[in-house]
PDB file of N, CA and C in Angstrom:
ATOM      1  N   MET A   1      41.885  -9.966 151.199  1.00  0.00           N
ATOM      2  CA  MET A   1      40.537 -10.666 151.564  1.00  0.00           C
ATOM      3  C   MET A   1      39.656  -9.449 152.865  1.00  0.00           C
ATOM      4  N   TYR A   2      38.458  -9.757 152.270  1.00  0.00           N
ATOM      5  CA  TYR A   2      37.200  -8.778 152.611  1.00  0.00           C
ATOM      6  C   TYR A   2      36.786  -8.783 153.948  1.00  0.00           C
ATOM      7  N   LYS A   3      36.393  -8.309 154.641  1.00  0.00           N
ATOM      8  CA  LYS A   3      35.907  -8.334 156.028  1.00  0.00           C
ATOM      9  C   LYS A   3      34.910  -7.499 156.364  1.00  0.00           C
ATOM     10  N   ALA A   4      33.806  -7.952 156.592  1.00  0.00           N
ATOM     11  CA  ALA A   4      32.668  -7.118 157.182  1.00  0.00           C
ATOM     12  C   ALA A   4      33.012  -6.377 158.366  1.00  0.00           C
ATOM     13  N   LYS A   5      32.324  -5.604 158.529  1.00  0.00           N
ATOM     14  CA  LYS A   5      31.925  -4.690 159.709  1.00  0.00           C
ATOM     15  C   LYS A   5      30.977  -4.688 159.824  1.00  0.00           C
ATOM     16  N   HIS A   6      30.661  -4.214 161.477  1.00  0.00           N
ATOM     17  CA  HIS A   6      29.073  -4.624 161.753  1.00  0.00           C
ATOM     18  C   HIS A   6      27.761  -4.897 161.519  1.00  0.00           C
ATOM     19  N   VAL A   7      28.311  -6.615 161.373  1.00  0.00           N
ATOM     20  CA  VAL A   7      27.345  -7.689 160.990  1.00  0.00           C
ATOM     21  C   VAL A   7      26.732  -8.093 162.582  1.00  0.00           C
ATOM     22  N   ASP A   8      25.767  -8.148 162.064  1.00  0.00           N
ATOM     23  CA  ASP A   8      24.882  -8.970 163.319  1.00  0.00           C
ATOM     24  C   ASP A   8      24.960 -10.069 163.308  1.00  0.00           C
ATOM     25  N   THR A   9      25.539 -10.801 164.299  1.00  0.00           N
ATOM     26  CA  THR A   9      25.834 -12.289 164.365  1.00  0.00           C
ATOM     27  C   THR A   9      24.664 -12.862 164.510  1.00  0.00           C
ATOM     28  N   GLU A  10      24.202 -12.391 165.741  1.00  0.00           N
ATOM     29  CA  GLU A  10      22.396 -13.099 165.781  1.00  0.00           C
ATOM     30  C   GLU A  10      21.505 -13.105 164.593  1.00  0.00           C
ATOM     31  N   LYS A  11      21.493 -12.395 163.945  1.00  0.00           N
ATOM     32  CA  LYS A  11      20.437 -12.578 162.767  1.00  0.00           C
ATOM     33  C   LYS A  11      21.278 -13.411 161.474  1.00  0.00           C
ATOM     34  N   ALA A  12      22.813 -13.670 161.281  1.00  0.00           N
ATOM     35  CA  ALA A  12      23.459 -14.406 160.393  1.00  0.00           C
ATOM     36  C   ALA A  12      23.027 -15.557 161.321  1.00  0.00           C
ATOM     37  N   LEU A  13      23.193 -15.951 162.416  1.00  0.00           N
ATOM     38  CA  LEU A  13      22.966 -17.607 162.884  1.00  0.00           C
ATOM     39  C   LEU A  13      21.743 -17.955 162.927  1.00  0.00           C
ATOM     40  N   LYS A  14      20.834 -16.954 163.221  1.00  0.00           N
ATOM     41  CA  LYS A  14      19.654 -17.154 162.927  1.00  0.00           C
ATOM     42  C   LYS A  14      19.206 -17.901 161.556  1.00  0.00           C
ATOM     43  N   TYR A  15      19.411 -17.093 160.229  1.00  0.00           N
ATOM     44  CA  TYR A  15      19.068 -17.405 158.852  1.00  0.00           C
ATOM     45  C   TYR A  15      20.426 -18.163 158.553  1.00  0.00           C
ATOM     46  N   LEU A  16      21.361 -18.736 159.173  1.00  0.00           N
ATOM     47  CA  LEU A  16      21.932 -20.233 159.215  1.00  0.00           C
ATOM     48  C   LEU A  16      21.572 -21.535 159.956  1.00  0.00           C
ATOM     49  N   GLU A  17      20.934 -21.305 160.787  1.00  0.00           N
ATOM     50  CA  GLU A  17      19.967 -22.515 161.748  1.00  0.00           C
ATOM     51  C   GLU A  17      18.415 -22.653 160.446  1.00  0.00           C
ATOM     52  N   GLU A  18      17.759 -21.369 160.101  1.00  0.00           N
ATOM     53  CA  GLU A  18      16.714 -21.764 159.387  1.00  0.00           C
ATOM     54  C   GLU A  18      17.515 -22.761 157.613  1.00  0.00           C
ATOM     55  N   LEU A  19      18.277 -22.150 157.276  1.00  0.00           N
ATOM     56  CA  LEU A  19      18.992 -22.826 156.220  1.00  0.00           C
ATOM     57  C   LEU A  19      19.090 -24.471 156.451  1.00  0.00           C
ATOM     58  N   ARG A  20      19.983 -24.729 157.580  1.00  0.00           N
ATOM     59  CA  ARG A  20      19.819 -25.881 158.215  1.00  0.00           C
ATOM     60  C   ARG A  20      18.719 -26.612 158.152  1.00  0.00           C
ATOM     61  N   HIS A  21      17.497 -25.958 158.826  1.00  0.00           N
ATOM     62  CA  HIS A  21      16.774 -26.569 159.065  1.00  0.00           C
ATOM     63  C   HIS A  21      15.413 -26.855 157.638  1.00  0.00           C
ATOM     64  N   ARG A  22      15.976 -25.909 156.799  1.00  0.00           N
ATOM     65  CA  ARG A  22      14.825 -26.036 155.664  1.00  0.00           C
ATOM     66  C   ARG A  22      15.581 -27.453 154.635  1.00  0.00           C
ATOM     67  N   TYR A  23      16.832 -27.331 154.742  1.00  0.00           N
ATOM     68  CA  TYR A  23      17.910 -28.372 154.091  1.00  0.00           C
ATOM     69  C   TYR A  23      17.757 -29.635 154.788  1.00  0.00           C
ATOM     70  N   TYR A  24      17.124 -29.426 155.936  1.00  0.00           N
ATOM     71  CA  TYR A  24      17.355 -31.116 156.707  1.00  0.00           C
ATOM     72  C   TYR A  24      15.555 -31.515 156.019  1.00  0.00           C
ATOM     73  N   GLN A  25      14.946 -30.826 156.082  1.00  0.00           N
ATOM     74  CA  GLN A  25      13.566 -30.770 155.772  1.00  0.00           C
ATOM     75  C   GLN A  25      13.338 -31.295 154.119  1.00  0.00           C
ATOM     76  N   GLU A  26      14.316 -31.181 153.438  1.00  0.00           N
ATOM     77  CA  GLU A  26      14.462 -31.627 151.916  1.00  0.00           C
ATOM     78  C   GLU A  26      14.892 -32.692 151.877  1.00  0.00           C
ATOM     79  N   CYS A  27      16.257 -33.191 152.219  1.00  0.00           N
ATOM     80  CA  CYS A  27      16.826 -34.197 152.727  1.00  0.00           C
ATOM     81  C   CYS A  27      16.357 -35.114 152.930  1.00  0.00           C
ATOM     82  N   GLU A  28      15.056 -35.174 154.093  1.00  0.00           N
ATOM     83  CA  GLU A  28      14.347 -35.828 154.856  1.00  0.00           C
ATOM     84  C   GLU A  28      13.016 -36.440 153.395  1.00  0.00           C
ATOM     85  N   ALA A  29      12.791 -35.137 153.146  1.00  0.00           N
ATOM     86  CA  ALA A  29      11.540 -35.386 151.463  1.00  0.00           C
ATOM     87  C   ALA A  29      12.013 -36.508 150.646  1.00  0.00           C
ATOM     88  N   GLU A  30      13.344 -35.935 149.940  1.00  0.00           N
ATOM     89  CA  GLU A  30      13.455 -36.704 149.206  1.00  0.00           C
ATOM     90  C   GLU A  30      13.855 -38.049 149.801  1.00  0.00           C
ATOM     91  N   LYS A  31      14.383 -38.547 151.059  1.00  0.00           N
ATOM     92  CA  LYS A  31      14.764 -39.766 151.127  1.00  0.00           C
ATOM     93  C   LYS A  31      12.927 -41.119 151.368  1.00  0.00           C
ATOM     94  N   GLN A  32      12.216 -40.003 151.844  1.00  0.00           N
ATOM     95  CA  GLN A  32      11.339 -40.542 151.713  1.00  0.00           C
ATOM     96  C   GLN A  32      10.633 -40.873 150.313  1.00  0.00           C
ATOM     97  N   LYS A  33      10.879 -40.078 149.617  1.00  0.00           N
ATOM     98  CA  LYS A  33      10.341 -39.825 147.893  1.00  0.00           C
ATOM     99  C   LYS A  33      11.149 -41.220 147.573  1.00  0.00           C
ATOM    100  N   VAL A  34      12.905 -41.615 147.653  1.00  0.00           N
ATOM    101  CA  VAL A  34      13.587 -42.790 147.282  1.00  0.00           C
ATOM    102  C   VAL A  34      13.161 -43.823 147.854  1.00  0.00           C
ATOM    103  N   ALA A  35      12.649 -44.052 149.212  1.00  0.00           N
ATOM    104  CA  ALA A  35      12.014 -45.133 150.338  1.00  0.00           C
ATOM    105  C   ALA A  35      10.438 -45.737 149.640  1.00  0.00           C
ATOM    106  N   ARG A  36       9.769 -44.629 148.857  1.00  0.00           N
ATOM    107  CA  ARG A  36       8.383 -45.029 148.129  1.00  0.00           C
ATOM    108  C   ARG A  36       9.132 -45.753 146.905  1.00  0.00           C
ATOM    109  N   TYR A  37       9.842 -45.035 145.997  1.00  0.00           N
ATOM    110  CA  TYR A  37      10.079 -45.738 144.650  1.00  0.00           C
ATOM    111  C   TYR A  37      10.553 -47.244 144.611  1.00  0.00           C
ATOM    112  N   TYR A  38      11.273 -47.325 146.228  1.00  0.00           N
ATOM    113  CA  TYR A  38      11.904 -48.415 146.165  1.00  0.00           C
ATOM    114  C   TYR A  38      10.854 -49.944 146.366  1.00  0.00           C
ATOM    115  N   SER A  39      10.055 -49.315 147.639  1.00  0.00           N
ATOM    116  CA  SER A  39       8.762 -50.069 148.090  1.00  0.00           C
ATOM    117  C   SER A  39       8.119 -50.743 146.847  1.00  0.00           C
ATOM    118  N   GLY A  40       8.009 -49.771 146.195  1.00  0.00           N
ATOM    119  CA  GLY A  40       6.989 -49.856 144.735  1.00  0.00           C
ATOM    120  C   GLY A  40       7.426 -50.579 143.778  1.00  0.00           C
ATOM    121  N   LEU A  41       8.983 -50.590 143.695  1.00  0.00           N
ATOM    122  CA  LEU A  41       9.139 -51.546 142.914  1.00  0.00           C
ATOM    123  C   LEU A  41       9.310 -53.422 143.599  1.00  0.00           C
ATOM    124  N   GLN A  42       9.868 -52.920 145.182  1.00  0.00           N
ATOM    125  CA  GLN A  42       9.819 -54.350 145.944  1.00  0.00           C
ATOM    126  C   GLN A  42       8.210 -55.033 145.553  1.00  0.00           C
ATOM    127  N   LYS A  43       7.390 -54.650 145.884  1.00  0.00           N
ATOM    128  CA  LYS A  43       6.023 -54.782 145.492  1.00  0.00           C
ATOM    129  C   LYS A  43       6.143 -55.264 144.213  1.00  0.00           C
ATOM    130  N   GLY A  44       6.176 -54.470 142.760  1.00  0.00           N
ATOM    131  CA  GLY A  44       6.076 -55.304 141.895  1.00  0.00           C
ATOM    132  C   GLY A  44       6.542 -56.365 141.656  1.00  0.00           C
ATOM    133  N   LEU A  45       8.303 -56.367 141.803  1.00  0.00           N
ATOM    134  CA  LEU A  45       8.507 -57.860 141.947  1.00  0.00           C
ATOM    135  C   LEU A  45       7.811 -59.027 142.866  1.00  0.00           C
ATOM    136  N   ASP A  46       7.820 -58.495 144.119  1.00  0.00           N
ATOM    137  CA  ASP A  46       6.771 -60.047 144.507  1.00  0.00           C
ATOM    138  C   ASP A  46       5.463 -59.963 144.156  1.00  0.00           C
ATOM    139  N   ILE A  47       4.952 -59.011 143.327  1.00  0.00           N
ATOM    140  CA  ILE A  47       3.678 -59.914 142.505  1.00  0.00           C
ATOM    141  C   ILE A  47       3.700 -60.372 141.196  1.00  0.00           C
ATOM    142  N   ALA A  48       5.099 -59.977 140.550  1.00  0.00           N
ATOM    143  CA  ALA A  48       5.405 -60.868 139.382  1.00  0.00           C
ATOM    144  C   ALA A  48       5.703 -62.277 139.912  1.00  0.00           C
ATOM    145  N   GLU A  49       6.208 -62.407 140.851  1.00  0.00           N
ATOM    146  CA  GLU A  49       7.079 -63.524 141.768  1.00  0.00           C
ATOM    147  C   GLU A  49       5.603 -63.945 142.323  1.00  0.00           C
ATOM    148  N   ASP A  50       4.699 -63.773 142.873  1.00  0.00           N
ATOM    149  CA  ASP A  50       3.542 -64.582 143.005  1.00  0.00           C
ATOM    150  C   ASP A  50       3.100 -65.012 142.045  1.00  0.00           C
ATOM    151  N   ILE A  51       2.687 -64.317 140.609  1.00  0.00           N
ATOM    152  CA  ILE A  51       2.036 -64.588 139.596  1.00  0.00           C
ATOM    153  C   ILE A  51       2.687 -65.784 139.066  1.00  0.00           C
ATOM    154  N   PHE A  52       3.853 -66.604 139.573  1.00  0.00           N
ATOM    155  CA  PHE A  52       4.574 -67.728 138.913  1.00  0.00           C
ATOM    156  C   PHE A  52       4.827 -68.543 139.981  1.00  0.00           C
ATOM    157  N   LEU A  53       4.720 -67.979 141.188  1.00  0.00           N
ATOM    158  CA  LEU A  53       4.095 -69.483 142.448  1.00  0.00           C
ATOM    159  C   LEU A  53       2.926 -69.698 142.525  1.00  0.00           C
ATOM    160  N   CYS A  54       1.700 -69.192 142.185  1.00  0.00           N
ATOM    161  CA  CYS A  54       0.551 -68.986 142.177  1.00  0.00           C
ATOM    162  C   CYS A  54      -0.037 -70.481 142.118  1.00  0.00           C
ATOM    163  N   SER A  55      -0.598 -71.178 143.621  1.00  0.00           N
ATOM    164  CA  SER A  55      -0.664 -72.400 143.682  1.00  0.00           C
ATOM    165  C   SER A  55      -2.166 -72.747 143.278  1.00  0.00           C
ATOM    166  N   ASN A  56      -2.610 -71.881 142.661  1.00  0.00           N
ATOM    167  CA  ASN A  56      -4.185 -71.597 142.229  1.00  0.00           C
ATOM    168  C   ASN A  56      -4.043 -72.226 140.377  1.00  0.00           C
ATOM    169  N   TYR A  57      -2.532 -71.677 140.112  1.00  0.00           N
ATOM    170  CA  TYR A  57      -2.682 -72.010 138.697  1.00  0.00           C
ATOM    171  C   TYR A  57      -2.356 -73.883 138.224  1.00  0.00           C
ATOM    172  N   GLU A  58      -3.203 -73.474 137.457  1.00  0.00           N
ATOM    173  CA  GLU A  58      -3.213 -75.315 136.649  1.00  0.00           C
ATOM    174  C   GLU A  58      -3.226 -75.250 135.547  1.00  0.00           C
ATOM    175  N   SER A  59      -1.902 -75.224 135.178  1.00  0.00           N
ATOM    176  CA  SER A  59      -1.725 -75.663 133.007  1.00  0.00           C
ATOM    177  C   SER A  59      -2.620 -77.133 133.036  1.00  0.00           C
ATOM    178  N   ASP A  60      -2.913 -77.066 131.672  1.00  0.00           N
ATOM    179  CA  ASP A  60      -3.125 -78.445 130.923  1.00  0.00           C
ATOM    180  C   ASP A  60      -2.465 -79.415 130.801  1.00  0.00           C
ATOM    181  N   GLU A  61      -2.902 -80.246 129.704  1.00  0.00           N
ATOM    182  CA  GLU A  61      -1.470 -80.457 129.010  1.00  0.00           C
ATOM    183  C   GLU A  61      -1.442 -79.932 127.570  1.00  0.00           C
ATOM    184  N   SER A  62      -2.580 -79.081 127.380  1.00  0.00           N
ATOM    185  CA  SER A  62      -2.253 -79.047 126.003  1.00  0.00           C
ATOM    186  C   SER A  62      -0.876 -77.932 125.767  1.00  0.00           C
ATOM    187  N   GLU A  63      -1.004 -77.114 127.106  1.00  0.00           N
ATOM    188  CA  GLU A  63      -0.088 -76.075 127.522  1.00  0.00           C
ATOM    189  C   GLU A  63       1.092 -76.233 127.696  1.00  0.00           C
ATOM    190  N   ASP A  64       0.986 -77.259 128.732  1.00  0.00           N
ATOM    191  CA  ASP A  64       2.940 -78.072 128.781  1.00  0.00           C
ATOM    192  C   ASP A  64       3.331 -78.906 127.179  1.00  0.00           C
ATOM    193  N   ASN A  65       2.341 -79.031 126.397  1.00  0.00           N
ATOM    194  CA  ASN A  65       3.099 -79.696 124.906  1.00  0.00           C
ATOM    195  C   ASN A  65       3.420 -78.940 124.338  1.00  0.00           C
ATOM    196  N   ASN A  66       2.375 -77.459 124.125  1.00  0.00           N
ATOM    197  CA  ASN A  66       2.493 -76.269 123.167  1.00  0.00           C
ATOM    198  C   ASN A  66       3.566 -75.726 123.447  1.00  0.00           C
ATOM    199  N   ASN A  67       4.908 -75.671 125.176  1.00  0.00           N
ATOM    200  CA  ASN A  67       6.183 -75.191 125.434  1.00  0.00           C
ATOM    201  C   ASN A  67       6.601 -76.022 125.064  1.00  0.00           C
ATOM    202  N   GLU A  68       6.812 -77.161 124.654  1.00  0.00           N
ATOM    203  CA  GLU A  68       7.996 -78.143 124.479  1.00  0.00           C
ATOM    204  C   GLU A  68       8.706 -78.162 122.926  1.00  0.00           C
TER     205      GLU A  68
END
């Protein structure tokens, strides 16, 4: 097994902390993208549902007869 000699532990720990911070930011950005996607999907479903529940929609008799 290889063991490094004369390693700057401060530099290594700083680099690891930077990586941790970067990946945390990427994770948060990805979560926000997914949340926006599902929010848009939910909004689309709400709009579709509202179309069918609209109280202003009045079908006339000719439409009712065509559907039978």
